[in-house]
PDB file of N, CA and C in Angstrom:
ATOM      1  N   MET A   1     112.047  97.843 104.713  1.00  0.00           N
ATOM      2  CA  MET A   1     111.333  97.737 103.431  1.00  0.00           C
ATOM      3  C   MET A   1     110.758  99.246 103.097  1.00  0.00           C
ATOM      4  N   THR A   2     111.161 100.198 102.005  1.00  0.00           N
ATOM      5  CA  THR A   2     110.846 101.276 101.804  1.00  0.00           C
ATOM      6  C   THR A   2     110.122 101.385 100.690  1.00  0.00           C
ATOM      7  N   LEU A   3     108.668 101.716 100.505  1.00  0.00           N
ATOM      8  CA  LEU A   3     108.062 101.708  99.564  1.00  0.00           C
ATOM      9  C   LEU A   3     107.867 103.382  98.919  1.00  0.00           C
ATOM     10  N   SER A   4     108.014 103.402  97.424  1.00  0.00           N
ATOM     11  CA  SER A   4     107.926 104.753  97.125  1.00  0.00           C
ATOM     12  C   SER A   4     107.215 104.706  95.711  1.00  0.00           C
ATOM     13  N   PHE A   5     106.552 105.829  95.267  1.00  0.00           N
ATOM     14  CA  PHE A   5     105.663 105.988  94.353  1.00  0.00           C
ATOM     15  C   PHE A   5     106.292 106.898  93.177  1.00  0.00           C
ATOM     16  N   LYS A   6     105.867 106.740  92.000  1.00  0.00           N
ATOM     17  CA  LYS A   6     106.240 107.833  90.968  1.00  0.00           C
ATOM     18  C   LYS A   6     105.025 107.852  90.131  1.00  0.00           C
ATOM     19  N   ASP A   7     104.591 108.860  90.115  1.00  0.00           N
ATOM     20  CA  ASP A   7     103.356 109.294  88.814  1.00  0.00           C
ATOM     21  C   ASP A   7     103.713 109.501  87.667  1.00  0.00           C
ATOM     22  N   LEU A   8     103.574 109.115  86.815  1.00  0.00           N
ATOM     23  CA  LEU A   8     103.775 109.467  85.603  1.00  0.00           C
ATOM     24  C   LEU A   8     102.926 110.580  85.192  1.00  0.00           C
ATOM     25  N   PRO A   9     103.410 111.283  84.106  1.00  0.00           N
ATOM     26  CA  PRO A   9     102.688 112.744  83.643  1.00  0.00           C
ATOM     27  C   PRO A   9     101.134 112.626  83.427  1.00  0.00           C
ATOM     28  N   CYS A  10     100.617 111.537  82.739  1.00  0.00           N
ATOM     29  CA  CYS A  10      99.351 111.000  82.281  1.00  0.00           C
ATOM     30  C   CYS A  10      98.295 110.975  83.447  1.00  0.00           C
ATOM     31  N   LYS A  11      98.856 110.433  84.749  1.00  0.00           N
ATOM     32  CA  LYS A  11      98.040 110.497  86.009  1.00  0.00           C
ATOM     33  C   LYS A  11      97.450 109.239  85.888  1.00  0.00           C
ATOM     34  N   THR A  12      97.407 108.238  85.113  1.00  0.00           N
ATOM     35  CA  THR A  12      96.900 107.167  85.256  1.00  0.00           C
ATOM     36  C   THR A  12      97.693 105.800  85.483  1.00  0.00           C
ATOM     37  N   ILE A  13      98.990 105.991  85.477  1.00  0.00           N
ATOM     38  CA  ILE A  13      99.926 104.853  85.628  1.00  0.00           C
ATOM     39  C   ILE A  13     100.980 105.295  86.825  1.00  0.00           C
ATOM     40  N   CYS A  14     101.165 104.432  87.885  1.00  0.00           N
ATOM     41  CA  CYS A  14     102.111 104.770  88.855  1.00  0.00           C
ATOM     42  C   CYS A  14     103.202 104.007  88.992  1.00  0.00           C
ATOM     43  N   LYS A  15     104.422 104.109  88.927  1.00  0.00           N
ATOM     44  CA  LYS A  15     105.487 103.122  89.282  1.00  0.00           C
ATOM     45  C   LYS A  15     105.721 103.011  90.633  1.00  0.00           C
ATOM     46  N   ILE A  16     105.861 101.697  91.111  1.00  0.00           N
ATOM     47  CA  ILE A  16     106.098 101.210  92.523  1.00  0.00           C
ATOM     48  C   ILE A  16     107.626 100.606  92.701  1.00  0.00           C
ATOM     49  N   PHE A  17     108.068 101.119  93.644  1.00  0.00           N
ATOM     50  CA  PHE A  17     109.449 100.891  93.953  1.00  0.00           C
ATOM     51  C   PHE A  17     109.375 100.427  95.294  1.00  0.00           C
ATOM     52  N   VAL A  18     110.496  99.403  95.560  1.00  0.00           N
ATOM     53  CA  VAL A  18     110.615  98.848  96.664  1.00  0.00           C
ATOM     54  C   VAL A  18     112.093  98.933  97.029  1.00  0.00           C
ATOM     55  N   ASP A  19     112.562  99.351  98.107  1.00  0.00           N
ATOM     56  CA  ASP A  19     114.088  99.719  98.296  1.00  0.00           C
ATOM     57  C   ASP A  19     114.864 100.326  97.152  1.00  0.00           C
ATOM     58  N   LYS A  20     114.224 101.326  96.282  1.00  0.00           N
ATOM     59  CA  LYS A  20     114.705 101.496  94.989  1.00  0.00           C
ATOM     60  C   LYS A  20     114.814 100.436  93.838  1.00  0.00           C
ATOM     61  N   SER A  21     114.284  99.459  93.905  1.00  0.00           N
ATOM     62  CA  SER A  21     113.867  98.620  92.771  1.00  0.00           C
ATOM     63  C   SER A  21     112.568  98.734  92.254  1.00  0.00           C
ATOM     64  N   HIS A  22     112.399  99.089  90.998  1.00  0.00           N
ATOM     65  CA  HIS A  22     111.284  98.808  90.343  1.00  0.00           C
ATOM     66  C   HIS A  22     110.578  97.622  90.289  1.00  0.00           C
ATOM     67  N   ILE A  23     109.576  97.547  91.020  1.00  0.00           N
ATOM     68  CA  ILE A  23     108.864  96.026  91.047  1.00  0.00           C
ATOM     69  C   ILE A  23     107.531  96.110  90.030  1.00  0.00           C
ATOM     70  N   GLY A  24     106.987  97.295  89.712  1.00  0.00           N
ATOM     71  CA  GLY A  24     105.901  97.159  88.837  1.00  0.00           C
ATOM     72  C   GLY A  24     105.336  98.579  88.643  1.00  0.00           C
ATOM     73  N   GLU A  25     103.964  98.494  88.052  1.00  0.00           N
ATOM     74  CA  GLU A  25     103.182  99.554  88.092  1.00  0.00           C
ATOM     75  C   GLU A  25     101.957  99.299  88.369  1.00  0.00           C
ATOM     76  N   VAL A  26     100.998 100.385  88.907  1.00  0.00           N
ATOM     77  CA  VAL A  26      99.788 100.172  88.837  1.00  0.00           C
ATOM     78  C   VAL A  26      98.931 100.951  87.907  1.00  0.00           C
ATOM     79  N   ARG A  27      98.010 100.661  87.132  1.00  0.00           N
ATOM     80  CA  ARG A  27      97.258 101.615  86.325  1.00  0.00           C
ATOM     81  C   ARG A  27      95.747 101.714  86.435  1.00  0.00           C
ATOM     82  N   LEU A  28      95.454 103.008  86.224  1.00  0.00           N
ATOM     83  CA  LEU A  28      93.891 103.309  86.367  1.00  0.00           C
ATOM     84  C   LEU A  28      92.987 102.999  85.270  1.00  0.00           C
ATOM     85  N   ASP A  29      91.934 102.272  85.452  1.00  0.00           N
ATOM     86  CA  ASP A  29      91.104 102.104  84.489  1.00  0.00           C
ATOM     87  C   ASP A  29      89.932 103.334  84.604  1.00  0.00           C
ATOM     88  N   ILE A  30      89.970 104.228  83.790  1.00  0.00           N
ATOM     89  CA  ILE A  30      89.245 105.396  83.865  1.00  0.00           C
ATOM     90  C   ILE A  30      87.917 105.152  83.747  1.00  0.00           C
ATOM     91  N   TRP A  31      87.222 104.131  83.243  1.00  0.00           N
ATOM     92  CA  TRP A  31      85.809 104.084  83.321  1.00  0.00           C
ATOM     93  C   TRP A  31      85.298 103.593  84.904  1.00  0.00           C
ATOM     94  N   THR A  32      86.124 102.591  85.336  1.00  0.00           N
ATOM     95  CA  THR A  32      85.766 102.102  86.399  1.00  0.00           C
ATOM     96  C   THR A  32      86.173 102.740  87.596  1.00  0.00           C
ATOM     97  N   GLY A  33      87.094 103.385  87.584  1.00  0.00           N
ATOM     98  CA  GLY A  33      88.006 104.499  88.563  1.00  0.00           C
ATOM     99  C   GLY A  33      88.695 103.545  89.539  1.00  0.00           C
ATOM    100  N   GLN A  34      89.122 102.069  89.179  1.00  0.00           N
ATOM    101  CA  GLN A  34      89.934 101.211  89.776  1.00  0.00           C
ATOM    102  C   GLN A  34      91.162 100.951  89.369  1.00  0.00           C
ATOM    103  N   TRP A  35      92.122 100.743  90.194  1.00  0.00           N
ATOM    104  CA  TRP A  35      93.632 100.590  90.108  1.00  0.00           C
ATOM    105  C   TRP A  35      94.016  98.996  89.949  1.00  0.00           C
ATOM    106  N   THR A  36      94.778  98.733  88.759  1.00  0.00           N
ATOM    107  CA  THR A  36      95.212  97.302  88.782  1.00  0.00           C
ATOM    108  C   THR A  36      96.591  97.181  88.802  1.00  0.00           C
ATOM    109  N   LEU A  37      97.323  96.020  89.212  1.00  0.00           N
ATOM    110  CA  LEU A  37      98.478  95.556  89.180  1.00  0.00           C
ATOM    111  C   LEU A  37      99.057  95.190  87.999  1.00  0.00           C
ATOM    112  N   TYR A  38     100.207  95.614  87.813  1.00  0.00           N
ATOM    113  CA  TYR A  38     101.067  95.202  86.827  1.00  0.00           C
ATOM    114  C   TYR A  38     102.603  95.003  87.222  1.00  0.00           C
ATOM    115  N   PRO A  39     102.623  93.553  87.920  1.00  0.00           N
ATOM    116  CA  PRO A  39     104.017  93.608  88.597  1.00  0.00           C
ATOM    117  C   PRO A  39     105.009  93.168  87.588  1.00  0.00           C
ATOM    118  N   ASN A  40     106.522  93.397  88.006  1.00  0.00           N
ATOM    119  CA  ASN A  40     107.541  93.058  86.715  1.00  0.00           C
ATOM    120  C   ASN A  40     108.247  91.796  87.164  1.00  0.00           C
ATOM    121  N   PHE A  41     107.694  91.035  88.165  1.00  0.00           N
ATOM    122  CA  PHE A  41     108.402  89.908  88.748  1.00  0.00           C
ATOM    123  C   PHE A  41     107.120  88.682  88.646  1.00  0.00           C
ATOM    124  N   LYS A  42     107.391  87.687  88.557  1.00  0.00           N
ATOM    125  CA  LYS A  42     106.534  86.489  88.250  1.00  0.00           C
ATOM    126  C   LYS A  42     105.722  86.083  89.664  1.00  0.00           C
ATOM    127  N   ILE A  43     104.351  86.028  89.504  1.00  0.00           N
ATOM    128  CA  ILE A  43     103.439  85.797  90.792  1.00  0.00           C
ATOM    129  C   ILE A  43     103.276  84.175  90.663  1.00  0.00           C
ATOM    130  N   ARG A  44     103.493  83.644  92.194  1.00  0.00           N
ATOM    131  CA  ARG A  44     103.051  82.301  92.256  1.00  0.00           C
ATOM    132  C   ARG A  44     101.505  82.085  92.039  1.00  0.00           C
ATOM    133  N   PRO A  45     101.144  80.711  91.522  1.00  0.00           N
ATOM    134  CA  PRO A  45      99.834  80.766  91.592  1.00  0.00           C
ATOM    135  C   PRO A  45      99.044  80.968  92.820  1.00  0.00           C
ATOM    136  N   MET A  46      99.634  80.959  93.823  1.00  0.00           N
ATOM    137  CA  MET A  46      98.427  80.769  95.155  1.00  0.00           C
ATOM    138  C   MET A  46      98.625  82.320  95.167  1.00  0.00           C
ATOM    139  N   GLN A  47      99.225  83.331  94.587  1.00  0.00           N
ATOM    140  CA  GLN A  47      99.110  84.713  94.794  1.00  0.00           C
ATOM    141  C   GLN A  47      98.522  85.459  93.737  1.00  0.00           C
ATOM    142  N   MET A  48      97.649  84.328  93.006  1.00  0.00           N
ATOM    143  CA  MET A  48      96.939  85.137  91.635  1.00  0.00           C
ATOM    144  C   MET A  48      95.681  85.793  91.936  1.00  0.00           C
ATOM    145  N   ASP A  49      94.965  85.446  92.800  1.00  0.00           N
ATOM    146  CA  ASP A  49      93.776  86.091  93.640  1.00  0.00           C
ATOM    147  C   ASP A  49      94.143  87.461  94.238  1.00  0.00           C
ATOM    148  N   ASP A  50      95.215  87.619  95.029  1.00  0.00           N
ATOM    149  CA  ASP A  50      95.665  88.899  95.301  1.00  0.00           C
ATOM    150  C   ASP A  50      95.935  89.755  94.217  1.00  0.00           C
ATOM    151  N   SER A  51      96.643  89.346  93.272  1.00  0.00           N
ATOM    152  CA  SER A  51      96.905  90.062  92.120  1.00  0.00           C
ATOM    153  C   SER A  51      95.929  90.482  91.234  1.00  0.00           C
ATOM    154  N   ASN A  52      94.825  89.896  91.533  1.00  0.00           N
ATOM    155  CA  ASN A  52      93.738  90.232  90.235  1.00  0.00           C
ATOM    156  C   ASN A  52      93.036  91.216  91.019  1.00  0.00           C
ATOM    157  N   ASN A  53      93.138  91.429  92.401  1.00  0.00           N
ATOM    158  CA  ASN A  53      91.874  92.471  92.860  1.00  0.00           C
ATOM    159  C   ASN A  53      92.226  93.735  92.364  1.00  0.00           C
ATOM    160  N   LYS A  54      91.182  94.646  92.434  1.00  0.00           N
ATOM    161  CA  LYS A  54      90.939  95.915  91.978  1.00  0.00           C
ATOM    162  C   LYS A  54      91.031  97.063  93.091  1.00  0.00           C
ATOM    163  N   TYR A  55      91.769  97.999  93.196  1.00  0.00           N
ATOM    164  CA  TYR A  55      91.736  98.789  94.173  1.00  0.00           C
ATOM    165  C   TYR A  55      91.234 100.296  93.771  1.00  0.00           C
ATOM    166  N   PHE A  56      90.872 101.064  95.100  1.00  0.00           N
ATOM    167  CA  PHE A  56      90.203 102.504  94.652  1.00  0.00           C
ATOM    168  C   PHE A  56      91.086 103.553  95.024  1.00  0.00           C
ATOM    169  N   SER A  57      92.525 103.180  95.265  1.00  0.00           N
ATOM    170  CA  SER A  57      93.478 104.373  95.209  1.00  0.00           C
ATOM    171  C   SER A  57      94.745 103.316  94.664  1.00  0.00           C
ATOM    172  N   SER A  58      95.749 104.244  94.257  1.00  0.00           N
ATOM    173  CA  SER A  58      97.047 103.561  93.784  1.00  0.00           C
ATOM    174  C   SER A  58      97.786 103.392  95.036  1.00  0.00           C
ATOM    175  N   ILE A  59      97.950 104.131  96.125  1.00  0.00           N
ATOM    176  CA  ILE A  59      98.520 103.641  97.208  1.00  0.00           C
ATOM    177  C   ILE A  59      98.177 102.349  97.703  1.00  0.00           C
ATOM    178  N   ASP A  60      96.884 102.164  97.893  1.00  0.00           N
ATOM    179  CA  ASP A  60      96.574 100.717  98.224  1.00  0.00           C
ATOM    180  C   ASP A  60      96.831  99.644  97.315  1.00  0.00           C
ATOM    181  N   ALA A  61      96.907  99.998  95.956  1.00  0.00           N
ATOM    182  CA  ALA A  61      97.143  98.961  95.128  1.00  0.00           C
ATOM    183  C   ALA A  61      98.914  98.805  95.128  1.00  0.00           C
ATOM    184  N   GLY A  62      99.655 100.002  95.328  1.00  0.00           N
ATOM    185  CA  GLY A  62     100.995  99.751  95.504  1.00  0.00           C
ATOM    186  C   GLY A  62     101.463  99.010  97.116  1.00  0.00           C
ATOM    187  N   ARG A  63     100.575  99.322  98.147  1.00  0.00           N
ATOM    188  CA  ARG A  63     101.037  98.420  99.099  1.00  0.00           C
ATOM    189  C   ARG A  63     100.538  97.078  98.916  1.00  0.00           C
ATOM    190  N   ALA A  64      99.482  96.595  98.124  1.00  0.00           N
ATOM    191  CA  ALA A  64      99.207  95.197  97.804  1.00  0.00           C
ATOM    192  C   ALA A  64     100.261  94.502  97.251  1.00  0.00           C
ATOM    193  N   MET A  65     100.638  95.386  96.206  1.00  0.00           N
ATOM    194  CA  MET A  65     102.027  94.787  95.389  1.00  0.00           C
ATOM    195  C   MET A  65     103.198  94.577  95.953  1.00  0.00           C
ATOM    196  N   ALA A  66     103.476  95.402  97.035  1.00  0.00           N
ATOM    197  CA  ALA A  66     104.563  95.443  97.721  1.00  0.00           C
ATOM    198  C   ALA A  66     104.579  94.211  98.835  1.00  0.00           C
ATOM    199  N   LYS A  67     103.399  94.123  99.203  1.00  0.00           N
ATOM    200  CA  LYS A  67     102.966  92.943 100.005  1.00  0.00           C
ATOM    201  C   LYS A  67     103.197  91.330  99.295  1.00  0.00           C
ATOM    202  N   ILE A  68     102.852  91.159  98.364  1.00  0.00           N
ATOM    203  CA  ILE A  68     102.848  90.176  97.371  1.00  0.00           C
ATOM    204  C   ILE A  68     104.109  90.046  97.221  1.00  0.00           C
ATOM    205  N   PHE A  69     105.164  91.243  96.721  1.00  0.00           N
ATOM    206  CA  PHE A  69     106.608  91.268  96.465  1.00  0.00           C
ATOM    207  C   PHE A  69     107.258  90.478  97.443  1.00  0.00           C
ATOM    208  N   SER A  70     107.039  91.097  98.850  1.00  0.00           N
ATOM    209  CA  SER A  70     107.831  90.764  99.881  1.00  0.00           C
ATOM    210  C   SER A  70     107.568  89.431 100.281  1.00  0.00           C
ATOM    211  N   LYS A  71     106.242  88.770 100.256  1.00  0.00           N
ATOM    212  CA  LYS A  71     106.042  87.560 100.381  1.00  0.00           C
ATOM    213  C   LYS A  71     106.880  86.569  99.268  1.00  0.00           C
ATOM    214  N   ARG A  72     106.893  86.920  98.254  1.00  0.00           N
ATOM    215  CA  ARG A  72     107.556  86.143  97.032  1.00  0.00           C
ATOM    216  C   ARG A  72     108.998  86.072  97.484  1.00  0.00           C
ATOM    217  N   PHE A  73     109.504  87.079  97.621  1.00  0.00           N
ATOM    218  CA  PHE A  73     111.261  86.888  97.686  1.00  0.00           C
ATOM    219  C   PHE A  73     111.654  86.749  99.038  1.00  0.00           C
ATOM    220  N   ASN A  74     110.973  87.235 100.199  1.00  0.00           N
ATOM    221  CA  ASN A  74     111.285  86.832 101.686  1.00  0.00           C
ATOM    222  C   ASN A  74     111.428  85.417 102.037  1.00  0.00           C
ATOM    223  N   ASN A  75     110.277  84.945 101.445  1.00  0.00           N
ATOM    224  CA  ASN A  75     110.261  83.480 101.636  1.00  0.00           C
ATOM    225  C   ASN A  75     111.096  82.471 101.270  1.00  0.00           C
ATOM    226  N   ASN A  76     111.782  83.000 100.178  1.00  0.00           N
ATOM    227  CA  ASN A  76     112.799  82.156  99.595  1.00  0.00           C
ATOM    228  C   ASN A  76     114.233  82.119 100.079  1.00  0.00           C
ATOM    229  N   LYS A  77     114.505  83.378 101.299  1.00  0.00           N
ATOM    230  CA  LYS A  77     115.587  83.533 101.777  1.00  0.00           C
ATOM    231  C   LYS A  77     115.792  82.541 103.025  1.00  0.00           C
ATOM    232  N   GLY A  78     117.081  82.006 103.083  1.00  0.00           N
ATOM    233  CA  GLY A  78     117.284  81.038 104.207  1.00  0.00           C
ATOM    234  C   GLY A  78     116.858  79.824 103.776  1.00  0.00           C
TER     235      GLY A  78
END
């Protein structure tokens, strides 16, 4: 699993890619300085607490989204 980031020119939105697939983006709230997850996939109810957390860097937020993504789709295999 390779994780990659692409910052947009506004510097408040960062797109997250896992194995070259766009899984969502993280956005910076300029008033609090924290990053929020905006996934492109449906999150299970048991993962809602993880997805509602706030992060102090885009890297931490992207890693958290990738972790939720891998739990969501790797458990369905097999």
